[in-house]
Amino acid sequence: MFSSVDTIWVLVGAALVFFMQAGFAMVEAGFTRAKNAGNIVMKNLMDFCIGTPVFWLLGFGLMFGAGNGLIGWLDPLVRADYSFLNLSFPLPAYLIFQTVFCATAATIVSGAMAERTKFSSYCVYSLIISAVIYPVSGHWIWGGGWLAQLGFHDFAGSTAVHMVGGVAALIGAKILGPRLGKYDKDGKPRAILGHSLTLGALGVFILWFCWFGFNGCSTVSMTGDDVLTSAGNIFVTTNLAAAVATVTTMIITWVRYKRPDVSMTLNGTLAGLVAITAGCDMVSPFGAAVIGIIAGFVVVFGIEFIDQKLKIDDPVGAIGVHGLCGCAGTLLTGLFALDSGVLYGGGFRFFGIQVLGVVSVIAWVAVTMIVVFTVIKKTMGLRVSKEEETLGLDIMEHGLASSYADFMPAGSIPNVLGAGGIVPPVSPAAAVPVVRPMGSGAKEAAENGTKITKLVIVFKQSRFEAFKAAMNEIGVTGMTVTQVLGCGMQKGANEFYRGVPVEMTLLPKIKVEIVVCKVPVEAVVAAAKSALYTGHFGDGKIFIYDIENVVKVRTGEEGYDALQDEE
């Protein structure tokens, strides 16, 4: 008899872990540039959609087939013998639960190889890791393989899932090479900022929420007092490690960079979650807190080491978060496990087995991924061209001008439809009758030598309302306003992004263009200075240009008259 409670628990866990794909997609899209956001989302989608049939067809049989070999090719749920698993729920529920874990391992690589990988090549990689690489090491750990028989412990996948993905990400990013402009001629890293930390934060919160299913539902049962107690403890240790790692990372970056780094702190949350995943069922809350502290240090200094010393470009920190913290969390389980950990009198045998398991999985994934990525590189090519990378993978790989609806690419002009849906062609002379009147104001301006002057004023967004009121007070009613990014000689505020100094910080600014003739230029300058001055860097600048002529399109008026309001 199957347990309905256990079945529901496993299926809820599968749904939560599946939703982690959304979290990964948001983190990776937010930490990379907007011109590649669509490509990132597509890769995360394909990781799951390619991995699902491949894992069902081959991977699940390799991972849990218990000596059945490739017998599961045609229908792995019928032809293979999985009785050794002793499941208290139907086998299909276990298949979908393990499928979403496989997809998680595959999708980790996406962020590390972002912004310069061929989409077709990435799909081939994703297929191979889901079909063979993840299932083989997964069999060693969870499928009754040699590591499981030795007593290796990885409750929910610090090694089996996250370190596998992290090592694959390391190999892929190394073979692929850094993004254009990431390192200068001397090898010094340059910061390439992600386009939306808001999306990144949303992704982290989604992942944190789903991690309760990732770890908690890995009990694959909710029957019996011991299991219920364990599930509660797993929720506590998972949440505690994540929170402590986040605070630790924030403090470290605050000390090192003089400001708490947002993106690195978000990585710190994931670092704590990854690290606690191996031993969340074996450690106490105190042990979980210590693991979280260590994970905070590992992720900060690990990402810096990978980026600045190894010169491996990982846009989202996937190698540090999943590879290094997955490794660290598995080893720390050997120290902090209540039953057999070194610090609780268990000796070094269990810790030695944890070390052996980590080293073995690293070797397996590293060797196989070197072969896979090298073959892909030599055959179909792994990296896009420089032109494609510069223009962005959204447009070059997917024909997508932008992932954002309010973006209008160059040359894309909205079609304004007339009667019947078609604007009839007209000549410019008919559309805009050219009339050259010489009004009294124009005559007076010509006699007095009055100039037409354009002022371009760039200043802080916070001063716009005060500026607008000042212009209205002196009679300037026409202006063009644009939101821009820029900085002056100070190159913006001193800033670090993921431990790398930002060479130039582009700050949000307002650019206003005003053309005056009747209103004296001196009056505009004086009013602008009065409204914008704070005495601090970044108050803005005023640029003044002479204008040769102005033509009002509708009436054909020129010069002084073209700038006047109608009576």
Protein backbone atom coordinates (compact mmCIF):
# COMPACT_ATOMS: atom_id res chain seq x y z
CA MET A 1 0.00 0.00 0.00
CA PHE A 2 1.23 3.47 -0.91
CA SER A 3 0.95 6.35 1.54
CA SER A 4 -1.19 9.19 0.26
CA VAL A 5 0.57 11.61 2.63
CA ASP A 6 4.01 10.63 1.35
CA THR A 7 2.84 10.84 -2.26
CA ILE A 8 1.46 14.35 -1.80
CA TRP A 9 4.63 15.42 0.06
CA VAL A 10 6.88 14.26 -2.78
CA LEU A 11 4.69 15.81 -5.48
CA VAL A 12 4.56 19.15 -3.65
CA GLY A 13 8.34 19.00 -3.34
CA ALA A 14 8.65 18.31 -7.07
CA ALA A 15 6.47 21.33 -7.86
CA LEU A 16 8.55 23.59 -5.60
CA VAL A 17 11.85 22.41 -7.04
CA PHE A 18 10.46 22.88 -10.55
CA PHE A 19 9.67 26.50 -9.71
CA MET A 20 13.35 26.99 -8.91
CA GLN A 21 13.80 27.24 -12.69
CA ALA A 22 11.99 30.58 -12.50
CA GLY A 23 14.30 31.68 -9.70
CA PHE A 24 17.43 30.77 -11.63
CA ALA A 25 16.09 32.52 -14.72
CA MET A 26 15.45 35.75 -12.80
CA VAL A 27 18.84 35.70 -11.04
CA GLU A 28 20.74 35.07 -14.25
CA ALA A 29 18.75 37.56 -16.32
CA GLY A 30 19.07 40.26 -13.67
CA PHE A 31 22.82 39.78 -13.20
CA THR A 32 23.50 40.04 -16.95
CA ARG A 33 22.82 42.71 -19.52
CA ALA A 34 19.39 43.45 -20.97
CA LYS A 35 20.46 42.58 -24.51
CA ASN A 36 20.85 38.94 -23.42
CA ALA A 37 17.85 38.54 -21.08
CA GLY A 38 15.74 36.65 -23.61
CA ASN A 39 18.58 34.24 -24.31
CA ILE A 40 18.99 33.56 -20.58
CA VAL A 41 15.30 32.80 -20.17
CA MET A 42 15.34 30.54 -23.23
CA LYS A 43 18.31 28.53 -21.92
CA ASN A 44 16.65 28.02 -18.54
CA LEU A 45 13.48 26.88 -20.27
CA MET A 46 15.34 24.44 -22.50
CA ASP A 47 17.35 23.00 -19.61
CA PHE A 48 14.11 21.64 -18.19
CA CYS A 49 12.37 20.82 -21.45
CA ILE A 50 15.35 18.96 -22.93
CA GLY A 51 16.30 17.38 -19.63
CA THR A 52 12.82 15.99 -18.91
CA PRO A 53 12.55 13.48 -21.79
CA VAL A 54 16.26 12.69 -21.75
CA PHE A 55 16.29 11.94 -18.02
CA TRP A 56 13.16 9.83 -18.37
CA LEU A 57 14.55 7.94 -21.36
CA LEU A 58 18.08 7.29 -20.10
CA GLY A 59 19.19 9.22 -17.03
CA PHE A 60 16.71 7.79 -14.52
CA GLY A 61 17.58 4.24 -15.52
CA LEU A 62 21.30 4.90 -15.17
CA MET A 63 20.83 6.58 -11.81
CA PHE A 64 18.44 4.14 -10.16
CA GLY A 65 18.36 1.09 -12.43
CA ALA A 66 20.17 -1.14 -9.91
CA GLY A 67 22.07 -3.15 -12.50
CA ASN A 68 19.44 -2.97 -15.24
CA GLY A 69 21.88 -1.10 -17.50
CA LEU A 70 20.12 0.43 -20.48
CA ILE A 71 17.00 -1.69 -20.11
CA GLY A 72 14.98 1.45 -19.43
CA TRP A 73 15.43 2.87 -22.93
CA LEU A 74 11.91 2.11 -24.16
CA ASP A 75 9.96 2.59 -20.95
CA PRO A 76 12.06 2.96 -17.81
CA LEU A 77 9.11 2.84 -15.44
CA VAL A 78 8.02 -0.59 -16.68
CA ARG A 79 11.08 -2.49 -17.86
CA ALA A 80 13.55 -1.69 -15.07
CA ASP A 81 13.49 -3.02 -11.50
CA TYR A 82 13.41 -0.29 -8.86
CA SER A 83 12.12 -2.37 -5.97
CA PHE A 84 15.34 -1.78 -4.02
CA LEU A 85 14.24 1.85 -3.48
CA ASN A 86 11.47 0.69 -1.11
CA LEU A 87 9.26 3.60 -2.03
CA SER A 88 6.13 4.37 -0.03
CA PHE A 89 4.63 6.16 -3.02
CA PRO A 90 4.22 5.38 -6.75
CA LEU A 91 7.36 5.27 -8.89
CA PRO A 92 6.16 8.04 -11.28
CA ALA A 93 6.15 10.46 -8.35
CA TYR A 94 9.80 9.63 -7.70
CA LEU A 95 10.61 10.06 -11.39
CA ILE A 96 9.26 13.63 -11.49
CA PHE A 97 10.91 14.44 -8.15
CA GLN A 98 14.31 13.33 -9.48
CA THR A 99 13.70 15.00 -12.87
CA VAL A 100 13.45 18.47 -11.36
CA PHE A 101 16.68 17.88 -9.42
CA CYS A 102 18.42 16.92 -12.66
CA ALA A 103 17.16 20.09 -14.34
CA THR A 104 18.54 22.16 -11.47
CA ALA A 105 22.04 20.74 -11.96
CA ALA A 106 21.89 21.46 -15.69
CA THR A 107 20.66 25.03 -15.37
CA ILE A 108 23.44 26.14 -12.98
CA VAL A 109 25.84 26.28 -15.93
CA SER A 110 23.71 28.80 -17.82
CA GLY A 111 24.72 31.80 -15.72
CA ALA A 112 28.47 31.11 -15.79
CA MET A 113 28.46 30.81 -19.60
CA ALA A 114 26.03 33.68 -20.14
CA GLU A 115 26.25 36.37 -22.82
CA ARG A 116 28.63 34.60 -25.23
CA THR A 117 27.54 30.97 -25.74
CA LYS A 118 25.89 29.62 -28.89
CA PHE A 119 22.36 28.59 -28.10
CA SER A 120 22.56 25.40 -30.20
CA SER A 121 25.77 24.35 -28.46
CA TYR A 122 24.25 25.00 -25.06
CA CYS A 123 21.29 22.74 -25.90
CA VAL A 124 23.71 19.91 -26.76
CA TYR A 125 25.54 20.36 -23.45
CA SER A 126 22.26 20.39 -21.54
CA LEU A 127 21.21 17.11 -23.15
CA ILE A 128 24.49 15.37 -22.28
CA ILE A 129 24.60 16.41 -18.61
CA SER A 130 20.98 15.31 -18.09
CA ALA A 131 21.47 12.01 -19.91
CA VAL A 132 24.81 10.81 -18.57
CA ILE A 133 26.99 13.07 -16.42
CA TYR A 134 24.54 13.92 -13.64
CA PRO A 135 22.95 10.43 -13.50
CA VAL A 136 26.28 8.59 -13.17
CA SER A 137 27.54 10.58 -10.17
CA GLY A 138 23.98 10.66 -8.87
CA HIS A 139 23.95 6.85 -8.94
CA TRP A 140 27.12 6.77 -6.85
CA ILE A 141 25.44 8.95 -4.18
CA TRP A 142 21.69 8.25 -4.30
CA GLY A 143 21.26 5.18 -6.48
CA GLY A 144 22.96 2.63 -4.28
CA GLY A 145 26.38 3.14 -5.83
CA TRP A 146 29.80 2.79 -4.27
CA LEU A 147 29.77 6.15 -2.42
CA ALA A 148 26.40 5.35 -0.87
CA GLN A 149 27.71 1.98 0.26
CA LEU A 150 30.71 3.65 1.90
CA GLY A 151 28.39 5.95 3.87
CA PHE A 152 28.81 9.19 1.91
CA HIS A 153 26.09 11.61 2.94
CA ASP A 154 24.56 14.27 0.71
CA PHE A 155 20.98 14.62 1.85
CA ALA A 156 19.55 16.90 -0.88
CA GLY A 157 22.41 17.57 -3.27
CA SER A 158 25.20 19.95 -2.24
CA THR A 159 27.48 17.65 -4.23
CA ALA A 160 25.09 15.57 -6.35
CA VAL A 161 23.31 18.62 -7.76
CA HIS A 162 25.07 21.88 -6.99
CA MET A 163 28.72 20.91 -7.11
CA VAL A 164 28.09 18.94 -10.31
CA GLY A 165 26.60 22.06 -11.87
CA GLY A 166 29.32 24.29 -10.40
CA VAL A 167 32.20 22.18 -11.72
CA ALA A 168 30.55 21.97 -15.15
CA ALA A 169 30.16 25.76 -15.03
CA LEU A 170 33.85 26.18 -14.18
CA ILE A 171 34.98 24.03 -17.10
CA GLY A 172 32.54 25.64 -19.52
CA ALA A 173 33.44 29.21 -18.57
CA LYS A 174 37.17 28.44 -18.75
CA ILE A 175 37.01 26.86 -22.20
CA LEU A 176 34.61 29.53 -23.44
CA GLY A 177 36.75 32.46 -22.35
CA PRO A 178 35.70 35.80 -20.82
CA ARG A 179 33.21 38.25 -22.28
CA LEU A 180 34.52 41.01 -24.52
CA GLY A 181 35.92 43.82 -22.38
CA LYS A 182 35.89 41.84 -19.14
CA TYR A 183 39.68 42.08 -18.69
CA ASP A 184 42.02 44.83 -19.81
CA LYS A 185 45.34 44.23 -21.58
CA ASP A 186 47.05 43.70 -18.21
CA GLY A 187 44.49 41.13 -17.11
CA LYS A 188 42.77 43.42 -14.62
CA PRO A 189 39.04 42.62 -14.37
CA ARG A 190 36.47 45.20 -15.33
CA ALA A 191 33.03 45.27 -13.77
CA ILE A 192 30.21 44.49 -16.20
CA LEU A 193 27.06 45.38 -14.32
CA GLY A 194 23.88 43.37 -14.51
CA HIS A 195 20.90 45.31 -15.80
CA SER A 196 18.41 44.59 -13.00
CA LEU A 197 19.25 43.77 -9.40
CA THR A 198 15.50 43.86 -8.82
CA LEU A 199 15.07 40.79 -11.01
CA GLY A 200 18.07 39.20 -9.31
CA ALA A 201 16.56 39.76 -5.86
CA LEU A 202 13.21 38.35 -7.00
CA GLY A 203 15.02 35.25 -8.23
CA VAL A 204 16.82 34.81 -4.91
CA PHE A 205 13.57 35.05 -2.94
CA ILE A 206 11.95 32.50 -5.27
CA LEU A 207 14.89 30.15 -4.81
CA TRP A 208 14.85 30.58 -1.03
CA PHE A 209 11.15 29.73 -0.93
CA CYS A 210 11.57 26.71 -3.20
CA TRP A 211 14.55 25.46 -1.20
CA PHE A 212 12.17 24.37 1.53
CA GLY A 213 10.89 21.85 -1.01
CA PHE A 214 14.38 21.07 -2.25
CA ASN A 215 15.63 20.16 1.23
CA GLY A 216 12.50 19.57 3.26
CA CYS A 217 10.71 17.30 0.81
CA SER A 218 13.87 15.23 0.30
CA THR A 219 12.71 13.25 3.33
CA VAL A 220 10.37 11.71 0.68
CA SER A 221 8.05 10.86 3.56
CA MET A 222 5.90 12.48 6.20
CA THR A 223 5.00 9.30 8.05
CA GLY A 224 6.15 8.73 11.62
CA ASP A 225 7.19 11.01 14.45
CA ASP A 226 10.90 10.75 13.65
CA VAL A 227 10.38 11.84 10.07
CA LEU A 228 8.13 14.71 11.08
CA THR A 229 10.72 15.91 13.59
CA SER A 230 13.45 15.63 10.97
CA ALA A 231 11.42 17.62 8.44
CA GLY A 232 10.94 20.43 10.95
CA ASN A 233 14.64 20.47 11.77
CA ILE A 234 15.51 20.57 8.06
CA PHE A 235 13.33 23.63 7.55
CA VAL A 236 15.01 25.34 10.50
CA THR A 237 18.58 24.54 9.48
CA THR A 238 17.93 25.46 5.83
CA ASN A 239 16.48 28.85 6.70
CA LEU A 240 19.05 29.61 9.41
CA ALA A 241 22.06 28.86 7.20
CA ALA A 242 20.69 31.06 4.43
CA ALA A 243 19.97 34.00 6.74
CA VAL A 244 23.31 33.83 8.56
CA ALA A 245 25.23 33.52 5.28
CA THR A 246 23.42 36.58 3.95
CA VAL A 247 24.30 38.68 7.00
CA THR A 248 27.89 37.43 6.91
CA THR A 249 28.28 38.32 3.26
CA MET A 250 26.82 41.76 3.81
CA ILE A 251 29.25 42.48 6.64
CA ILE A 252 32.26 41.21 4.68
CA THR A 253 31.46 43.36 1.65
CA TRP A 254 30.68 46.35 3.86
CA VAL A 255 34.14 46.10 5.39
CA ARG A 256 36.01 45.31 2.17
CA TYR A 257 34.21 47.62 -0.26
CA LYS A 258 33.11 50.34 2.21
CA ARG A 259 29.49 49.67 1.23
CA PRO A 260 27.30 46.55 1.51
CA ASP A 261 27.38 45.00 -1.96
CA VAL A 262 23.86 44.10 -3.12
CA SER A 263 24.67 41.49 -5.76
CA MET A 264 27.26 39.71 -3.62
CA THR A 265 24.87 39.66 -0.66
CA LEU A 266 22.24 38.04 -2.86
CA ASN A 267 24.86 35.45 -3.79
CA GLY A 268 25.48 35.00 -0.07
CA THR A 269 21.90 33.87 0.44
CA LEU A 270 22.28 31.21 -2.23
CA ALA A 271 25.67 30.23 -0.82
CA GLY A 272 24.12 29.44 2.56
CA LEU A 273 21.33 27.44 0.96
CA VAL A 274 23.75 25.41 -1.15
CA ALA A 275 26.13 24.74 1.74
CA ILE A 276 23.45 23.48 4.14
CA THR A 277 21.82 21.19 1.58
CA ALA A 278 24.18 18.24 2.21
CA GLY A 279 23.80 18.06 5.97
CA CYS A 280 20.53 19.84 6.73
CA ASP A 281 19.18 16.62 8.27
CA MET A 282 22.28 15.84 10.34
CA VAL A 283 23.34 19.16 11.88
CA SER A 284 21.91 21.22 14.72
CA PRO A 285 20.75 24.81 14.32
CA PHE A 286 24.08 25.91 15.79
CA GLY A 287 25.93 23.85 13.19
CA ALA A 288 23.74 25.34 10.46
CA ALA A 289 24.59 28.87 11.63
CA VAL A 290 28.31 28.13 11.56
CA ILE A 291 27.98 26.58 8.10
CA GLY A 292 26.20 29.77 7.01
CA ILE A 293 29.05 31.93 8.34
CA ILE A 294 31.65 29.85 6.53
CA ALA A 295 29.59 29.89 3.32
CA GLY A 296 29.57 33.71 3.46
CA PHE A 297 33.36 33.80 3.51
CA VAL A 298 33.66 31.11 0.84
CA VAL A 299 31.38 32.87 -1.61
CA VAL A 300 32.96 36.33 -1.30
CA PHE A 301 36.59 35.28 -1.46
CA GLY A 302 35.83 32.44 -3.85
CA ILE A 303 34.17 34.70 -6.41
CA GLU A 304 37.00 37.22 -6.08
CA PHE A 305 39.60 34.46 -6.58
CA ILE A 306 37.84 33.03 -9.64
CA ASP A 307 37.35 36.44 -11.21
CA GLN A 308 40.60 38.20 -10.32
CA LYS A 309 43.17 35.40 -10.01
CA LEU A 310 41.96 32.61 -12.27
CA LYS A 311 40.59 35.13 -14.83
CA ILE A 312 37.45 33.04 -15.33
CA ASP A 313 34.47 35.20 -16.20
CA ASP A 314 31.36 34.05 -14.33
CA PRO A 315 28.70 36.78 -14.67
CA VAL A 316 26.42 35.48 -11.91
CA GLY A 317 28.85 33.81 -9.50
CA ALA A 318 27.57 30.30 -10.21
CA ILE A 319 30.97 28.67 -9.70
CA GLY A 320 31.46 30.25 -6.29
CA VAL A 321 27.89 29.72 -5.11
CA HIS A 322 27.27 26.19 -6.37
CA GLY A 323 30.72 24.74 -6.93
CA LEU A 324 32.71 26.06 -3.96
CA CYS A 325 29.85 26.22 -1.46
CA GLY A 326 28.53 22.82 -2.57
CA CYS A 327 31.97 21.39 -1.89
CA ALA A 328 32.33 23.25 1.42
CA GLY A 329 28.89 22.25 2.65
CA THR A 330 29.52 18.57 1.96
CA LEU A 331 32.84 18.65 3.81
CA LEU A 332 31.38 20.63 6.71
CA THR A 333 28.76 17.92 7.15
CA GLY A 334 31.66 15.66 8.11
CA LEU A 335 32.57 18.12 10.85
CA PHE A 336 29.16 19.18 12.20
CA ALA A 337 27.04 16.02 11.87
CA LEU A 338 25.59 15.26 15.29
CA ASP A 339 25.99 11.50 15.00
CA SER A 340 29.37 11.06 13.33
CA GLY A 341 30.94 14.49 12.83
CA VAL A 342 34.51 15.20 13.88
CA LEU A 343 33.45 17.99 16.25
CA TYR A 344 30.96 15.71 17.99
CA GLY A 345 33.37 12.87 18.71
CA GLY A 346 32.73 10.84 15.61
CA GLY A 347 36.34 10.62 14.50
CA PHE A 348 37.66 11.25 11.01
CA ARG A 349 36.27 8.24 9.15
CA PHE A 350 33.01 9.92 8.11
CA PHE A 351 34.84 13.13 7.25
CA GLY A 352 37.29 11.14 5.10
CA ILE A 353 34.42 9.56 3.20
CA GLN A 354 32.97 13.02 2.55
CA VAL A 355 36.35 14.16 1.20
CA LEU A 356 36.61 11.09 -1.02
CA GLY A 357 33.13 11.66 -2.41
CA VAL A 358 33.78 15.31 -3.21
CA VAL A 359 37.10 14.58 -4.92
CA SER A 360 35.61 11.71 -6.94
CA VAL A 361 32.65 13.74 -8.22
CA ILE A 362 34.87 16.70 -9.09
CA ALA A 363 37.16 14.40 -11.08
CA TRP A 364 34.24 12.74 -12.90
CA VAL A 365 32.52 15.97 -13.88
CA ALA A 366 35.72 17.85 -14.73
CA VAL A 367 37.07 15.16 -17.05
CA THR A 368 33.78 14.47 -18.81
CA MET A 369 32.92 18.15 -19.23
CA ILE A 370 36.37 18.93 -20.64
CA VAL A 371 35.72 16.28 -23.27
CA VAL A 372 32.16 17.46 -23.95
CA PHE A 373 32.93 21.18 -24.25
CA THR A 374 36.10 20.56 -26.27
CA VAL A 375 34.24 18.37 -28.78
CA ILE A 376 31.46 20.94 -29.07
CA LYS A 377 34.02 23.72 -29.55
CA LYS A 378 35.89 21.81 -32.27
CA THR A 379 32.76 20.75 -34.16
CA MET A 380 29.77 23.08 -34.01
CA GLY A 381 31.52 25.88 -32.12
CA LEU A 382 30.89 26.96 -28.55
CA ARG A 383 31.09 30.74 -28.70
CA VAL A 384 29.27 33.33 -30.78
CA SER A 385 31.16 35.80 -32.94
CA LYS A 386 32.39 39.15 -31.62
CA GLU A 387 29.69 40.94 -33.62
CA GLU A 388 26.95 38.73 -32.17
CA GLU A 389 28.24 39.19 -28.64
CA THR A 390 28.43 42.96 -29.08
CA LEU A 391 24.91 43.29 -30.47
CA GLY A 392 23.48 40.85 -27.93
CA LEU A 393 22.29 37.26 -28.13
CA ASP A 394 18.63 38.24 -28.02
CA ILE A 395 18.69 39.78 -31.49
CA MET A 396 21.40 37.58 -33.01
CA GLU A 397 20.35 34.17 -31.69
CA HIS A 398 16.59 34.61 -31.41
CA GLY A 399 15.63 37.55 -33.63
CA LEU A 400 14.34 39.33 -30.53
CA ALA A 401 14.90 43.07 -30.58
CA SER A 402 14.49 43.22 -26.83
CA SER A 403 12.99 41.30 -23.93
CA TYR A 404 11.32 44.51 -22.81
CA ALA A 405 8.14 45.78 -24.45
CA ASP A 406 8.92 49.49 -24.12
CA PHE A 407 12.17 49.21 -26.03
CA MET A 408 12.16 50.54 -29.61
CA PRO A 409 15.19 49.53 -31.68
CA ALA A 410 16.78 51.93 -34.11
CA GLY A 411 14.77 52.22 -37.30
CA SER A 412 11.60 50.90 -35.71
CA ILE A 413 9.01 53.66 -36.09
CA PRO A 414 5.41 53.13 -34.99
CA ASN A 415 2.93 52.99 -37.88
CA VAL A 416 0.33 55.71 -37.48
CA LEU A 417 -2.66 54.61 -39.54
CA GLY A 418 -5.04 56.90 -41.36
CA ALA A 419 -8.52 56.16 -42.69
CA GLY A 420 -8.74 52.61 -43.98
CA GLY A 421 -5.54 51.72 -42.14
CA ILE A 422 -3.20 53.30 -44.70
CA VAL A 423 -1.52 56.69 -44.67
CA PRO A 424 -1.64 58.04 -48.24
CA PRO A 425 1.70 59.32 -49.52
CA VAL A 426 2.02 63.11 -49.68
CA SER A 427 4.81 65.40 -50.73
CA PRO A 428 6.59 67.45 -48.05
CA ALA A 429 5.39 70.64 -49.72
CA ALA A 430 1.75 69.56 -49.37
CA ALA A 431 2.15 68.21 -45.88
CA VAL A 432 3.97 71.28 -44.53
CA PRO A 433 3.19 74.43 -46.49
CA VAL A 434 6.32 76.54 -46.33
CA VAL A 435 5.40 80.09 -45.44
CA ARG A 436 8.04 82.65 -44.62
CA PRO A 437 6.29 85.52 -42.84
CA MET A 438 8.27 88.35 -41.31
CA GLY A 439 6.27 89.28 -38.24
CA SER A 440 6.91 92.38 -36.18
CA GLY A 441 8.70 90.32 -33.54
CA ALA A 442 11.02 88.83 -36.15
CA LYS A 443 11.72 92.28 -37.66
CA GLU A 444 12.53 93.69 -34.23
CA ALA A 445 14.73 90.69 -33.41
CA ALA A 446 16.56 91.07 -36.72
CA GLU A 447 17.09 94.80 -36.21
CA ASN A 448 18.38 94.28 -32.65
CA GLY A 449 20.54 91.31 -33.57
CA THR A 450 18.73 89.02 -31.12
CA LYS A 451 20.24 85.54 -31.11
CA ILE A 452 18.53 82.16 -30.91
CA THR A 453 20.27 80.10 -28.26
CA LYS A 454 20.02 76.48 -27.19
CA LEU A 455 20.80 75.43 -23.63
CA VAL A 456 21.42 71.80 -22.69
CA ILE A 457 21.27 71.31 -18.93
CA VAL A 458 22.21 68.02 -17.23
CA PHE A 459 21.43 67.63 -13.53
CA LYS A 460 20.20 65.35 -10.75
CA GLN A 461 16.77 63.79 -11.13
CA SER A 462 15.79 64.97 -7.66
CA ARG A 463 16.00 68.64 -8.74
CA PHE A 464 13.68 68.40 -11.74
CA GLU A 465 10.52 69.78 -10.11
CA ALA A 466 12.42 72.77 -8.70
CA PHE A 467 14.02 73.38 -12.10
CA LYS A 468 10.68 73.18 -13.91
CA ALA A 469 9.13 75.70 -11.53
CA ALA A 470 12.07 78.07 -11.98
CA MET A 471 11.78 77.93 -15.79
CA ASN A 472 8.05 78.54 -15.68
CA GLU A 473 8.60 81.58 -13.47
CA ILE A 474 10.85 83.31 -16.03
CA GLY A 475 8.59 82.48 -18.97
CA VAL A 476 10.29 79.40 -20.45
CA THR A 477 7.43 77.05 -21.31
CA GLY A 478 8.99 74.81 -23.96
CA MET A 479 11.58 72.19 -23.15
CA THR A 480 12.60 68.65 -24.13
CA VAL A 481 13.31 66.34 -21.20
CA THR A 482 15.25 63.08 -21.38
CA GLN A 483 16.32 60.61 -18.70
CA VAL A 484 19.98 59.76 -19.23
CA LEU A 485 22.95 58.12 -17.52
CA GLY A 486 26.21 59.96 -17.05
CA CYS A 487 28.97 61.21 -14.80
CA GLY A 488 31.43 64.08 -14.63
CA MET A 489 35.15 64.26 -13.97
CA GLN A 490 34.70 62.41 -10.68
CA LYS A 491 33.53 59.34 -12.67
CA GLY A 492 30.56 58.97 -10.38
CA ALA A 493 30.61 57.58 -6.85
CA ASN A 494 33.27 55.06 -5.87
CA GLU A 495 31.67 51.65 -6.31
CA PHE A 496 32.49 47.94 -6.22
CA TYR A 497 30.49 45.35 -8.15
CA ARG A 498 31.08 41.75 -7.05
CA GLY A 499 34.43 42.78 -5.58
CA VAL A 500 35.68 44.57 -8.70
CA PRO A 501 36.05 48.39 -8.72
CA VAL A 502 33.72 50.00 -11.22
CA GLU A 503 35.89 52.18 -13.43
CA MET A 504 33.08 54.59 -14.19
CA THR A 505 29.71 54.79 -12.49
CA LEU A 506 26.97 56.12 -14.75
CA LEU A 507 24.45 57.87 -12.54
CA PRO A 508 20.82 58.60 -13.46
CA LYS A 509 20.44 62.18 -14.68
CA ILE A 510 17.93 64.49 -16.35
CA LYS A 511 18.86 66.22 -19.59
CA VAL A 512 16.77 69.27 -20.54
CA GLU A 513 17.05 71.05 -23.88
CA ILE A 514 15.69 74.60 -24.13
CA VAL A 515 15.78 77.00 -27.09
CA VAL A 516 15.28 80.68 -26.20
CA CYS A 517 15.23 83.98 -28.02
CA LYS A 518 12.84 86.31 -26.24
CA VAL A 519 13.94 85.21 -22.76
CA PRO A 520 17.54 86.28 -22.07
CA VAL A 521 20.05 83.46 -21.83
CA GLU A 522 21.47 85.03 -18.68
CA ALA A 523 18.07 84.77 -17.01
CA VAL A 524 17.79 81.08 -17.87
CA VAL A 525 21.29 80.38 -16.55
CA ALA A 526 20.68 82.29 -13.33
CA ALA A 527 17.36 80.56 -12.69
CA ALA A 528 18.86 77.13 -13.44
CA LYS A 529 21.80 77.69 -11.11
CA SER A 530 19.50 78.86 -8.35
CA ALA A 531 17.25 75.79 -8.69
CA LEU A 532 20.00 73.20 -9.09
CA TYR A 533 22.76 74.32 -6.74
CA THR A 534 23.40 72.17 -3.65
CA GLY A 535 27.16 72.65 -3.34
CA HIS A 536 27.91 68.97 -3.90
CA PHE A 537 29.46 67.05 -6.79
CA GLY A 538 26.91 66.18 -9.45
CA ASP A 539 24.85 69.40 -9.36
CA GLY A 540 25.08 69.43 -13.12
CA LYS A 541 26.33 71.44 -16.07
CA ILE A 542 24.87 73.96 -18.52
CA PHE A 543 25.94 73.88 -22.17
CA ILE A 544 25.14 76.88 -24.39
CA TYR A 545 25.00 76.80 -28.20
CA ASP A 546 24.21 79.33 -30.92
CA ILE A 547 21.32 78.31 -33.19
CA GLU A 548 21.34 79.38 -36.84
CA ASN A 549 17.61 79.09 -37.43
CA VAL A 550 14.37 77.50 -36.22
CA VAL A 551 11.45 76.39 -38.42
CA LYS A 552 7.98 75.62 -37.04
CA VAL A 553 6.82 72.66 -39.11
CA ARG A 554 3.08 73.34 -39.01
CA THR A 555 3.14 77.01 -40.07
CA GLY A 556 6.49 77.42 -41.70
CA GLU A 557 7.41 80.30 -39.39
CA GLU A 558 11.11 80.76 -38.88
CA GLY A 559 13.48 82.30 -36.37
CA TYR A 560 12.00 84.44 -33.60
CA ASP A 561 8.37 83.88 -34.64
CA ALA A 562 8.80 80.10 -34.69
CA LEU A 563 9.59 80.18 -30.98
CA GLN A 564 6.59 82.26 -29.88
CA ASP A 565 3.32 80.94 -28.53
CA GLU A 566 0.16 81.63 -30.51
CA GLU A 567 -1.99 84.54 -29.42
